[in-house]
Amino acid sequence: MPKKRENCRPECGEIATNPNKTWELVAPFPDKKMRITIAIFGMFSCPSCGKNFRGLVSKAKLGAEGIKV
């Protein structure tokens, strides 16, 4: 399983923290516990080299018990 990169590009290795734009993606099917997964993606801009890239901001699972982040 690949290591998780925290919103950085492999070329320069700088970490971008604030996304320029965000959007939500809802999973079409629930998991075994009947929870719906919502992923929030963002468009980031590298502070050192200025390249734009997409990355995962956060995930949330919605179910009968409540919200799990």
Protein backbone atom coordinates (compact mmCIF):
# COMPACT_ATOMS: atom_id res chain seq x y z
CA MET A 1 0.00 0.00 0.00
CA PRO A 2 1.50 3.36 -0.98
CA LYS A 3 2.34 5.94 1.66
CA LYS A 4 -0.04 8.86 2.05
CA ARG A 5 1.35 12.18 0.87
CA GLU A 6 0.04 15.22 2.69
CA ASN A 7 -0.90 17.45 -0.25
CA CYS A 8 2.61 17.80 -1.69
CA ARG A 9 4.11 17.27 -5.10
CA PRO A 10 6.97 14.78 -5.36
CA GLU A 11 9.11 17.18 -7.47
CA CYS A 12 9.73 19.83 -4.83
CA GLY A 13 8.37 18.22 -1.62
CA GLU A 14 6.82 21.45 -0.33
CA ILE A 15 3.58 21.06 1.69
CA ALA A 16 0.56 23.11 0.60
CA THR A 17 -2.02 23.56 3.36
CA ASN A 18 -4.82 25.79 2.03
CA PRO A 19 -6.81 24.63 -1.02
CA ASN A 20 -7.79 27.20 -3.65
CA LYS A 21 -11.01 25.35 -4.53
CA THR A 22 -12.87 22.42 -2.93
CA TRP A 23 -15.56 20.00 -4.09
CA GLU A 24 -17.36 16.95 -2.71
CA LEU A 25 -17.56 13.45 -4.14
CA VAL A 26 -20.23 11.09 -2.77
CA ALA A 27 -19.73 7.34 -3.05
CA PRO A 28 -22.52 5.67 -5.04
CA PHE A 29 -22.78 2.59 -2.77
CA PRO A 30 -22.73 2.28 1.03
CA ASP A 31 -20.24 0.09 2.91
CA LYS A 32 -21.08 -3.02 5.00
CA LYS A 33 -22.35 -0.91 7.90
CA MET A 34 -24.63 1.05 5.50
CA ARG A 35 -22.60 4.27 5.77
CA ILE A 36 -22.20 6.68 2.87
CA THR A 37 -18.66 7.99 2.25
CA ILE A 38 -18.18 11.64 1.29
CA ALA A 39 -14.70 12.68 0.11
CA ILE A 40 -13.75 16.35 -0.07
CA PHE A 41 -11.08 17.09 -2.68
CA GLY A 42 -9.25 20.34 -3.26
CA MET A 43 -7.13 22.17 -5.82
CA PHE A 44 -3.83 23.26 -4.27
CA SER A 45 -1.09 25.60 -5.43
CA CYS A 46 2.53 24.91 -4.39
CA PRO A 47 4.03 27.88 -2.50
CA SER A 48 7.58 27.27 -3.78
CA CYS A 49 7.22 26.26 -7.45
CA GLY A 50 3.66 27.50 -8.19
CA LYS A 51 2.34 24.26 -9.75
CA ASN A 52 -1.32 23.37 -9.28
CA PHE A 53 -2.40 19.90 -8.22
CA ARG A 54 -5.39 18.03 -6.78
CA GLY A 55 -5.45 16.33 -3.42
CA LEU A 56 -7.71 14.85 -0.76
CA VAL A 57 -8.73 17.33 1.95
CA SER A 58 -10.84 15.03 4.16
CA LYS A 59 -13.23 12.08 4.24
CA ALA A 60 -16.42 11.62 6.21
CA LYS A 61 -18.71 8.62 6.69
CA LEU A 62 -22.40 9.32 7.29
CA GLY A 63 -24.57 6.70 8.94
CA ALA A 64 -27.30 6.07 11.49
CA GLU A 65 -24.83 6.43 14.40
CA GLY A 66 -23.68 9.86 13.23
CA ILE A 67 -20.72 11.27 11.34
CA LYS A 68 -17.26 9.68 11.48
CA VAL A 69 -14.40 11.80 10.12
